[in-house]
């Protein structure tokens, strides 16, 4: 439910890994990537395939022979952003191919932008390539068009998203992801591990494991083994943890066997970080969402996870203002937050999404009530975050360097995922650091969401 920030959009990003200078006469393609990191991986795969066929990758509209817009269609606000991006690309370039989640509704797009060259759905790589070939024929030069084994990456060189499956088998009433991206389809474990090995060999220091439902990985493959690797999230996490990079798990549903991952975190094989979409805490709200309504058991699980791995960081997202949510139900969520003491929290105000079953539910919450509850929720989350970060002052920890400017080195701790969590800043003695370094710091200051530290040794 989050969009890529502007510095991850290939057409805007100064840090994106599009640095090739096109050879004379080389056809070039631009890319606008909207939506979640899963869509970003789709964009990387499309660009890798195009690069392998001899296309150059343009960081701007003016240098491109055509532009691909990878859209998001999860929320009405995301649809509006996608339509705006398509219009901008048409105005700036003229030749536009649309793909991604909103591409599952081609008439919706062509009704607004009839001049787009083609519309394809999510992860329809072959159709995108066909559309590019029709708009801009390839002209490869095998002696010049070389590509690194890791492919084209839109993230900084030291971290990379690693998508392990497509689709989802859940039937949450507010979500249309299964309609857009289909049912769970896991990649073979050996293929995931091989991709991870290539990434680490190319210098990636952190692997961000993503899917729509990471816990369910391999369920559609009956958790079978192939080429020495079993398609189960616990086995996969262990395999990835053996590569020597940081391994961060995103979108982990709180199934009972998630407990099996926690010892791997305590051992240091994977980062002690779980990104779990709880969405709410009141049993009646969860039931209307068609999600497991066992909030009290969730608190027991959190306590158990922390007993096994005291350093674990728990991140989650929540929806306020869901249809039928009463003040009492919302207060249950606030009370749950007091007890759960989650480290990282995001919150969204409920929006109707075309095709979602929640639209038909009674008792929709007025916008002003949604806003009020969002503000109260975020005040609670900020209070918890500030207290937890203050407790880190004086601790010594490893951080990874994301960016360096004249004022400070911007880093992340093991508790922080890129672009969505906080940062740790080193504002003294950072001159000899490089992006991608993993260094040890002592925390000497804390804010509401960020830390400051100094290098040790």
Protein backbone atom coordinates (compact mmCIF):
# COMPACT_ATOMS: atom_id res chain seq x y z
CA UNK A 1 0.00 0.00 0.00
CA UNK A 2 2.98 2.32 -0.36
CA UNK A 3 4.35 4.05 -3.42
CA UNK A 4 7.96 4.24 -4.39
CA UNK A 5 9.31 7.64 -3.33
CA UNK A 6 10.60 9.97 -6.08
CA UNK A 7 14.24 8.98 -5.58
CA UNK A 8 13.40 5.40 -6.61
CA UNK A 9 11.66 6.48 -9.81
CA UNK A 10 14.13 5.82 -12.63
CA UNK A 11 13.10 9.03 -14.39
CA UNK A 12 13.85 11.11 -11.27
CA UNK A 13 16.43 9.22 -9.27
CA UNK A 14 19.98 10.51 -8.96
CA UNK A 15 20.95 7.25 -7.22
CA UNK A 16 19.31 4.80 -9.62
CA UNK A 17 21.75 2.50 -11.33
CA UNK A 18 21.16 3.76 -14.86
CA UNK A 19 24.54 5.13 -15.78
CA UNK A 20 25.23 3.71 -19.24
CA UNK A 21 26.02 6.17 -22.02
CA UNK A 22 24.08 4.95 -25.07
CA UNK A 23 26.23 4.17 -28.09
CA UNK A 24 25.54 6.10 -31.29
CA UNK A 25 22.33 4.92 -32.90
CA UNK A 26 21.32 2.71 -29.99
CA UNK A 27 17.55 2.61 -29.37
CA UNK A 28 16.75 3.78 -25.84
CA UNK A 29 13.83 3.21 -23.50
CA UNK A 30 12.78 5.24 -20.45
CA UNK A 31 10.97 3.82 -17.42
CA UNK A 32 8.65 5.28 -14.80
CA UNK A 33 8.11 2.77 -11.96
CA UNK A 34 5.25 3.41 -9.55
CA UNK A 35 3.86 1.36 -6.68
CA UNK A 36 5.48 -1.06 -4.27
CA UNK A 37 8.94 -2.67 -4.35
CA UNK A 38 7.40 -5.72 -6.05
CA UNK A 39 6.59 -3.47 -9.02
CA UNK A 40 10.12 -2.09 -8.87
CA UNK A 41 11.45 -5.63 -9.32
CA UNK A 42 9.16 -6.05 -12.35
CA UNK A 43 10.65 -2.85 -13.79
CA UNK A 44 14.17 -4.17 -13.20
CA UNK A 45 13.33 -7.41 -15.01
CA UNK A 46 11.83 -5.58 -17.97
CA UNK A 47 14.85 -3.28 -18.26
CA UNK A 48 17.23 -6.24 -17.91
CA UNK A 49 15.49 -8.04 -20.78
CA UNK A 50 15.59 -4.89 -22.91
CA UNK A 51 19.22 -4.26 -22.07
CA UNK A 52 20.05 -7.84 -23.10
CA UNK A 53 18.43 -7.13 -26.47
CA UNK A 54 20.65 -4.12 -27.04
CA UNK A 55 18.42 -1.28 -25.88
CA UNK A 56 19.90 1.60 -23.95
CA UNK A 57 18.17 2.80 -20.79
CA UNK A 58 17.42 6.52 -20.64
CA UNK A 59 17.12 8.33 -17.29
CA UNK A 60 14.86 11.01 -18.80
CA UNK A 61 12.04 11.43 -21.27
CA UNK A 62 13.94 13.48 -23.83
CA UNK A 63 16.64 10.86 -24.33
CA UNK A 64 14.22 7.98 -24.84
CA UNK A 65 12.69 6.64 -28.05
CA UNK A 66 9.75 5.37 -25.96
CA UNK A 67 8.73 5.28 -22.30
CA UNK A 68 7.31 2.42 -20.24
CA UNK A 69 5.08 3.40 -17.31
CA UNK A 70 4.77 0.62 -14.71
CA UNK A 71 1.58 1.51 -12.87
CA UNK A 72 -0.01 0.88 -9.48
CA UNK A 73 -3.74 0.26 -9.18
CA UNK A 74 -4.27 -0.71 -5.56
CA UNK A 75 -5.94 2.49 -4.32
CA UNK A 76 -7.87 5.20 -6.13
CA UNK A 77 -5.12 7.66 -5.18
CA UNK A 78 -2.54 5.30 -6.73
CA UNK A 79 -4.65 5.03 -9.89
CA UNK A 80 -4.76 8.82 -10.12
CA UNK A 81 -0.97 9.00 -9.72
CA UNK A 82 -0.55 6.40 -12.47
CA UNK A 83 -2.84 8.26 -14.86
CA UNK A 84 -0.96 11.48 -14.15
CA UNK A 85 2.39 9.78 -14.85
CA UNK A 86 1.07 8.37 -18.13
CA UNK A 87 -0.13 11.82 -19.16
CA UNK A 88 3.19 13.37 -18.26
CA UNK A 89 5.07 10.76 -20.30
CA UNK A 90 2.76 11.31 -23.28
CA UNK A 91 3.31 15.06 -23.12
CA UNK A 92 7.07 14.80 -22.72
CA UNK A 93 7.79 11.90 -25.07
CA UNK A 94 4.70 10.81 -27.00
CA UNK A 95 5.43 7.08 -27.25
CA UNK A 96 4.15 5.39 -24.10
CA UNK A 97 3.65 1.73 -23.19
CA UNK A 98 1.71 1.00 -20.00
CA UNK A 99 2.15 -2.07 -17.80
CA UNK A 100 1.67 -3.05 -14.17
CA UNK A 101 -1.32 -3.50 -11.88
CA UNK A 102 -3.48 -0.79 -13.42
CA UNK A 103 -2.81 -2.45 -16.76
CA UNK A 104 -5.27 -5.14 -15.66
CA UNK A 105 -7.92 -2.52 -16.52
CA UNK A 106 -6.92 -1.47 -20.06
CA UNK A 107 -10.21 0.28 -20.83
CA UNK A 108 -9.77 2.44 -17.73
CA UNK A 109 -6.41 3.65 -19.06
CA UNK A 110 -7.30 4.05 -22.74
CA UNK A 111 -10.49 5.88 -21.78
CA UNK A 112 -8.33 8.63 -20.30
CA UNK A 113 -5.25 8.28 -22.52
CA UNK A 114 -6.30 6.80 -25.88
CA UNK A 115 -2.89 7.56 -27.45
CA UNK A 116 -0.90 5.02 -25.41
CA UNK A 117 0.73 2.45 -27.70
CA UNK A 118 -0.11 -0.64 -25.62
CA UNK A 119 -1.44 -1.70 -22.23
CA UNK A 120 -0.34 -4.90 -20.47
CA UNK A 121 -1.05 -6.32 -17.03
CA UNK A 122 1.35 -7.02 -14.14
CA UNK A 123 4.42 -9.22 -14.74
CA UNK A 124 3.50 -9.72 -18.43
CA UNK A 125 7.09 -9.32 -19.53
CA UNK A 126 6.75 -10.86 -22.98
CA UNK A 127 3.84 -8.59 -23.93
CA UNK A 128 5.83 -5.55 -22.80
CA UNK A 129 8.78 -6.62 -24.93
CA UNK A 130 6.51 -7.18 -27.92
CA UNK A 131 5.09 -3.69 -27.51
CA UNK A 132 8.59 -2.19 -27.28
CA UNK A 133 9.70 -4.09 -30.39
CA UNK A 134 6.71 -2.68 -32.27
CA UNK A 135 7.41 0.88 -31.17
CA UNK A 136 11.22 0.85 -31.29
CA UNK A 137 12.83 -2.08 -33.14
CA UNK A 138 15.96 -3.48 -31.46
CA UNK A 139 19.39 -2.90 -32.95
CA UNK A 140 21.84 -4.91 -30.82
CA UNK A 141 25.61 -4.81 -31.06
CA UNK A 142 26.95 -7.94 -29.31
CA UNK A 143 30.47 -6.49 -29.16
CA UNK A 144 29.40 -3.38 -27.28
CA UNK A 145 26.17 -4.12 -25.42
CA UNK A 146 27.56 -5.83 -22.34
CA UNK A 147 25.50 -6.22 -19.17
CA UNK A 148 26.51 -7.19 -15.63
CA UNK A 149 25.37 -10.59 -14.41
CA UNK A 150 23.12 -8.95 -11.82
CA UNK A 151 21.11 -7.23 -14.56
CA UNK A 152 19.71 -3.70 -14.47
CA UNK A 153 19.03 -2.45 -10.95
CA UNK A 154 17.03 0.62 -9.95
CA UNK A 155 18.29 0.63 -6.36
CA UNK A 156 21.71 1.72 -5.11
CA UNK A 157 24.44 -0.86 -5.66
CA UNK A 158 24.63 -2.05 -2.07
CA UNK A 159 21.05 -3.30 -1.65
CA UNK A 160 18.54 -5.08 -3.84
CA UNK A 161 15.00 -6.36 -3.68
CA UNK A 162 14.64 -10.13 -4.13
CA UNK A 163 11.14 -11.19 -5.17
CA UNK A 164 10.36 -14.79 -4.24
CA UNK A 165 6.75 -15.16 -5.40
CA UNK A 166 3.85 -13.51 -7.20
CA UNK A 167 0.21 -13.28 -6.23
CA UNK A 168 -1.71 -14.08 -3.08
CA UNK A 169 -4.27 -16.63 -1.89
CA UNK A 170 -5.84 -14.42 0.79
CA UNK A 171 -9.30 -12.93 0.28
CA UNK A 172 -9.12 -9.77 2.36
CA UNK A 173 -12.20 -7.69 1.57
CA UNK A 174 -10.30 -4.41 1.11
CA UNK A 175 -7.74 -5.83 -1.32
CA UNK A 176 -7.85 -6.59 -5.06
CA UNK A 177 -4.25 -7.83 -5.39
CA UNK A 178 -5.34 -11.44 -6.12
CA UNK A 179 -7.55 -10.12 -8.94
CA UNK A 180 -4.69 -8.10 -10.41
CA UNK A 181 -1.73 -10.40 -9.76
CA UNK A 182 -3.38 -13.79 -9.44
CA UNK A 183 -2.95 -16.59 -6.94
CA UNK A 184 0.29 -17.46 -5.18
CA UNK A 185 3.01 -18.52 -7.61
CA UNK A 186 6.36 -19.17 -5.91
CA UNK A 187 9.66 -19.17 -7.73
CA UNK A 188 11.78 -22.32 -7.33
CA UNK A 189 14.09 -21.94 -4.34
CA UNK A 190 17.19 -22.78 -6.36
CA UNK A 191 16.39 -19.92 -8.77
CA UNK A 192 15.94 -17.45 -5.91
CA UNK A 193 19.21 -18.55 -4.30
CA UNK A 194 21.08 -18.34 -7.62
CA UNK A 195 19.82 -14.79 -8.18
CA UNK A 196 20.85 -13.87 -4.64
CA UNK A 197 24.32 -15.34 -5.20
CA UNK A 198 24.75 -13.21 -8.33
CA UNK A 199 23.64 -10.11 -6.47
CA UNK A 200 26.07 -10.71 -3.61
CA UNK A 201 28.87 -11.44 -6.08
CA UNK A 202 28.14 -8.07 -7.74
CA UNK A 203 28.56 -6.22 -4.43
CA UNK A 204 25.07 -6.20 -2.91
CA UNK A 205 25.33 -6.04 0.88
CA UNK A 206 21.62 -6.33 1.73
CA UNK A 207 18.89 -8.53 0.25
CA UNK A 208 15.32 -7.34 0.81
CA UNK A 209 13.05 -10.37 0.44
CA UNK A 210 9.63 -9.38 -0.92
CA UNK A 211 6.41 -10.98 -2.14
CA UNK A 212 2.72 -10.46 -1.46
CA UNK A 213 2.77 -13.13 1.27
CA UNK A 214 6.30 -14.15 2.19
CA UNK A 215 5.19 -16.66 4.83
CA UNK A 216 3.24 -18.64 2.23
CA UNK A 217 6.29 -19.05 0.00
CA UNK A 218 6.41 -22.54 -1.52
CA UNK A 219 2.92 -23.56 -0.44
CA UNK A 220 1.86 -23.86 -4.09
CA UNK A 221 4.92 -26.05 -4.73
CA UNK A 222 4.01 -28.32 -1.78
CA UNK A 223 7.25 -27.09 -0.18
CA UNK A 224 9.12 -29.47 -2.46
CA UNK A 225 12.88 -29.61 -3.03
CA UNK A 226 14.61 -29.06 -6.35
CA UNK A 227 18.34 -28.97 -7.05
CA UNK A 228 19.11 -29.18 -3.36
CA UNK A 229 16.90 -26.30 -2.20
CA UNK A 230 13.50 -26.64 -0.49
CA UNK A 231 10.75 -24.13 -1.29
CA UNK A 232 9.85 -23.16 2.26
CA UNK A 233 10.45 -19.74 3.78
CA UNK A 234 12.45 -21.12 6.71
CA UNK A 235 14.77 -23.13 4.44
CA UNK A 236 15.04 -20.24 2.00
CA UNK A 237 15.92 -17.81 4.79
CA UNK A 238 18.63 -20.20 5.98
CA UNK A 239 20.01 -20.56 2.43
CA UNK A 240 20.06 -16.80 1.89
CA UNK A 241 21.59 -16.22 5.31
CA UNK A 242 24.57 -18.34 4.32
CA UNK A 243 25.60 -15.86 1.60
CA UNK A 244 27.08 -13.29 3.98
CA UNK A 245 24.74 -10.37 3.18
CA UNK A 246 22.11 -8.79 5.38
CA UNK A 247 18.78 -10.54 4.71
CA UNK A 248 15.61 -8.57 5.52
CA UNK A 249 12.15 -10.18 5.39
CA UNK A 250 9.14 -8.14 4.26
CA UNK A 251 5.38 -8.87 4.17
CA UNK A 252 5.44 -11.81 6.59
CA UNK A 253 1.96 -12.89 7.67
CA UNK A 254 1.82 -14.08 11.30
CA UNK A 255 1.31 -17.78 10.61
CA UNK A 256 2.27 -20.09 13.50
CA UNK A 257 5.39 -21.38 11.73
CA UNK A 258 6.82 -17.86 11.56
CA UNK A 259 8.19 -18.81 14.98
CA UNK A 260 10.68 -21.02 13.12
CA UNK A 261 12.26 -17.90 11.59
CA UNK A 262 13.00 -16.24 14.91
CA UNK A 263 15.88 -18.56 15.94
CA UNK A 264 17.55 -17.76 12.60
CA UNK A 265 17.40 -14.10 13.60
CA UNK A 266 18.79 -14.85 17.05
CA UNK A 267 21.67 -16.70 15.36
CA UNK A 268 22.39 -13.76 13.05
CA UNK A 269 21.62 -15.63 9.82
CA UNK A 270 18.91 -13.13 8.89
CA UNK A 271 18.26 -9.66 10.27
CA UNK A 272 16.14 -9.53 13.44
CA UNK A 273 13.40 -7.67 11.56
CA UNK A 274 9.85 -8.75 10.73
CA UNK A 275 7.54 -6.68 8.52
CA UNK A 276 4.08 -8.03 9.40
CA UNK A 277 0.82 -6.45 8.09
CA UNK A 278 -1.47 -6.76 11.11
CA UNK A 279 -3.91 -4.15 9.66
CA UNK A 280 -5.98 -3.89 12.87
CA UNK A 281 -6.33 -5.36 16.36
CA UNK A 282 -10.06 -5.43 17.07
CA UNK A 283 -11.51 -8.93 16.41
CA UNK A 284 -14.76 -7.57 14.93
CA UNK A 285 -12.89 -5.25 12.54
CA UNK A 286 -10.55 -8.05 11.51
CA UNK A 287 -13.54 -10.28 10.83
CA UNK A 288 -15.11 -7.64 8.57
CA UNK A 289 -11.74 -7.42 6.80
CA UNK A 290 -11.80 -11.24 6.38
CA UNK A 291 -8.49 -11.50 8.22
CA UNK A 292 -7.62 -13.81 11.13
CA UNK A 293 -9.41 -12.33 14.16
CA UNK A 294 -7.02 -13.48 16.88
CA UNK A 295 -5.41 -10.28 18.11
CA UNK A 296 -4.94 -11.65 21.63
CA UNK A 297 -3.02 -14.63 20.24
CA UNK A 298 -0.91 -12.21 18.19
CA UNK A 299 0.21 -10.51 21.41
CA UNK A 300 1.24 -13.91 22.77
CA UNK A 301 3.23 -14.57 19.61
CA UNK A 302 4.96 -11.20 19.82
CA UNK A 303 5.96 -11.94 23.39
CA UNK A 304 7.28 -15.34 22.35
CA UNK A 305 9.28 -13.88 19.45
CA UNK A 306 10.86 -11.33 21.77
CA UNK A 307 11.72 -14.01 24.31
CA UNK A 308 13.62 -15.94 21.59
CA UNK A 309 15.23 -12.88 19.96
CA UNK A 310 15.21 -9.84 22.30
CA UNK A 311 16.67 -7.59 19.58
CA UNK A 312 13.88 -8.26 17.09
CA UNK A 313 12.34 -5.23 15.35
CA UNK A 314 8.66 -5.50 14.46
CA UNK A 315 7.19 -3.37 11.70
CA UNK A 316 3.55 -3.29 10.67
CA UNK A 317 0.87 -1.34 8.81
CA UNK A 318 -2.68 -0.59 9.91
CA UNK A 319 -5.92 0.70 8.41
CA UNK A 320 -8.10 3.14 10.32
CA UNK A 321 -11.63 4.13 9.36
CA UNK A 322 -12.51 0.73 7.90
CA UNK A 323 -16.28 0.43 7.22
CA UNK A 324 -18.12 -0.19 10.47
CA UNK A 325 -15.17 0.74 12.70
CA UNK A 326 -16.61 2.16 15.91
CA UNK A 327 -14.84 4.40 18.39
CA UNK A 328 -14.68 1.41 20.73
CA UNK A 329 -12.99 -0.73 18.07
CA UNK A 330 -10.52 2.03 17.31
CA UNK A 331 -9.74 2.36 21.03
CA UNK A 332 -9.07 -1.39 21.08
CA UNK A 333 -6.43 -0.78 18.42
CA UNK A 334 -4.81 2.01 20.48
CA UNK A 335 -4.81 -0.17 23.60
CA UNK A 336 -3.30 -3.03 21.59
CA UNK A 337 -0.57 -0.70 20.38
CA UNK A 338 0.23 0.20 23.99
CA UNK A 339 0.72 -3.45 24.78
CA UNK A 340 2.40 -4.58 21.54
CA UNK A 341 4.94 -1.71 21.51
CA UNK A 342 5.78 -2.18 17.82
CA UNK A 343 9.01 -0.58 16.67
CA UNK A 344 8.01 0.67 13.22
CA UNK A 345 4.43 1.49 12.22
CA UNK A 346 2.64 2.81 9.15
CA UNK A 347 -1.03 3.75 8.98
CA UNK A 348 -3.50 4.36 6.15
CA UNK A 349 -6.96 5.81 6.07
CA UNK A 350 -9.37 3.37 4.44
CA UNK A 351 -10.19 4.04 0.79
CA UNK A 352 -12.72 2.31 -1.43
CA UNK A 353 -11.03 0.43 -4.25
CA UNK A 354 -12.98 -0.47 -7.36
CA UNK A 355 -13.71 -4.19 -7.26
CA UNK A 356 -13.07 -4.62 -3.51
CA UNK A 357 -15.78 -6.37 -1.49
CA UNK A 358 -15.39 -3.88 1.37
CA UNK A 359 -17.07 -1.21 -0.77
CA UNK A 360 -20.43 -2.89 -0.16
CA UNK A 361 -20.08 -2.99 3.63
CA UNK A 362 -22.44 -0.78 5.64
CA UNK A 363 -21.54 2.11 7.94
CA UNK A 364 -18.68 3.76 6.08
CA UNK A 365 -16.73 6.11 8.30
CA UNK A 366 -16.83 9.87 7.49
CA UNK A 367 -13.60 11.37 6.17
CA UNK A 368 -13.20 13.75 9.11
CA UNK A 369 -13.43 10.81 11.55
CA UNK A 370 -10.85 8.87 9.53
CA UNK A 371 -8.50 11.84 9.68
CA UNK A 372 -9.00 12.26 13.43
CA UNK A 373 -8.29 8.57 14.08
CA UNK A 374 -5.26 8.61 11.82
CA UNK A 375 -3.82 11.57 13.73
CA UNK A 376 -4.46 9.90 17.09
CA UNK A 377 -2.96 6.62 15.89
CA UNK A 378 0.15 8.31 14.53
CA UNK A 379 0.59 10.29 17.76
CA UNK A 380 0.55 6.99 19.65
CA UNK A 381 3.00 5.40 17.20
CA UNK A 382 5.31 8.41 17.45
CA UNK A 383 5.25 8.27 21.24
CA UNK A 384 6.24 4.59 21.18
CA UNK A 385 8.93 5.14 18.53
CA UNK A 386 10.47 8.06 20.42
CA UNK A 387 10.69 6.04 23.65
CA UNK A 388 12.16 2.99 21.91
CA UNK A 389 14.79 5.06 20.09
CA UNK A 390 15.73 6.93 23.28
CA UNK A 391 16.50 3.55 24.86
CA UNK A 392 19.10 2.93 22.13
CA UNK A 393 21.30 5.85 23.19
CA UNK A 394 24.62 4.42 24.34
CA UNK A 395 24.22 1.17 22.39
CA UNK A 396 26.87 0.04 19.90
CA UNK A 397 25.53 -1.32 16.61
CA UNK A 398 26.38 -1.98 12.97
CA UNK A 399 24.93 0.33 10.32
CA UNK A 400 25.00 0.35 6.53
CA UNK A 401 25.85 3.60 4.71
CA UNK A 402 23.20 4.64 2.18
CA UNK A 403 24.26 8.14 1.18
CA UNK A 404 26.98 10.68 1.90
CA UNK A 405 26.83 14.43 1.45
CA UNK A 406 28.82 17.34 2.84
CA UNK A 407 26.89 17.36 6.12
CA UNK A 408 26.58 13.72 7.13
CA UNK A 409 26.55 10.07 6.21
CA UNK A 410 22.99 8.75 6.08
CA UNK A 411 22.92 5.18 7.37
CA UNK A 412 20.48 2.51 8.46
CA UNK A 413 20.60 0.14 11.39
CA UNK A 414 19.48 -3.48 11.15
CA UNK A 415 16.12 -2.20 12.40
CA UNK A 416 15.57 0.06 9.37
CA UNK A 417 14.47 -0.88 5.87
CA UNK A 418 15.36 1.56 3.07
CA UNK A 419 12.87 4.29 2.20
CA UNK A 420 10.23 3.27 4.80
CA UNK A 421 11.93 3.32 8.21
CA UNK A 422 14.24 5.74 9.98
CA UNK A 423 17.91 6.58 9.55
CA UNK A 424 21.03 6.93 11.63
CA UNK A 425 23.16 9.97 10.82
CA UNK A 426 26.91 10.26 11.33
CA UNK A 427 27.78 13.97 11.19
CA UNK A 428 31.40 13.83 12.38
CA UNK A 429 34.39 11.86 11.11
CA UNK A 430 32.53 10.37 8.15
CA UNK A 431 34.85 11.69 5.43
CA UNK A 432 36.50 8.33 4.69
CA UNK A 433 33.26 6.35 4.48
CA UNK A 434 31.82 5.03 1.23
CA UNK A 435 28.26 4.17 0.25
CA UNK A 436 27.66 0.50 1.03
CA UNK A 437 30.11 0.33 3.94
CA UNK A 438 28.95 -1.50 7.05
CA UNK A 439 30.46 0.22 10.07
CA UNK A 440 30.10 0.17 13.86
CA UNK A 441 28.71 3.19 15.68
CA UNK A 442 27.73 4.21 19.17
CA UNK A 443 24.34 5.93 19.34
CA UNK A 444 24.62 9.29 21.06
CA UNK A 445 21.32 11.01 20.20
CA UNK A 446 17.74 9.99 19.39
CA UNK A 447 14.75 11.75 17.85
CA UNK A 448 11.18 10.72 17.07
CA UNK A 449 12.13 8.41 14.20
CA UNK A 450 15.89 8.79 13.63
CA UNK A 451 19.18 8.27 15.46
CA UNK A 452 22.57 9.97 15.46
CA UNK A 453 25.82 8.20 16.20
CA UNK A 454 29.59 8.34 16.09
CA UNK A 455 32.03 5.88 14.63
CA UNK A 456 33.80 3.58 17.11
CA UNK A 457 37.41 2.62 16.60
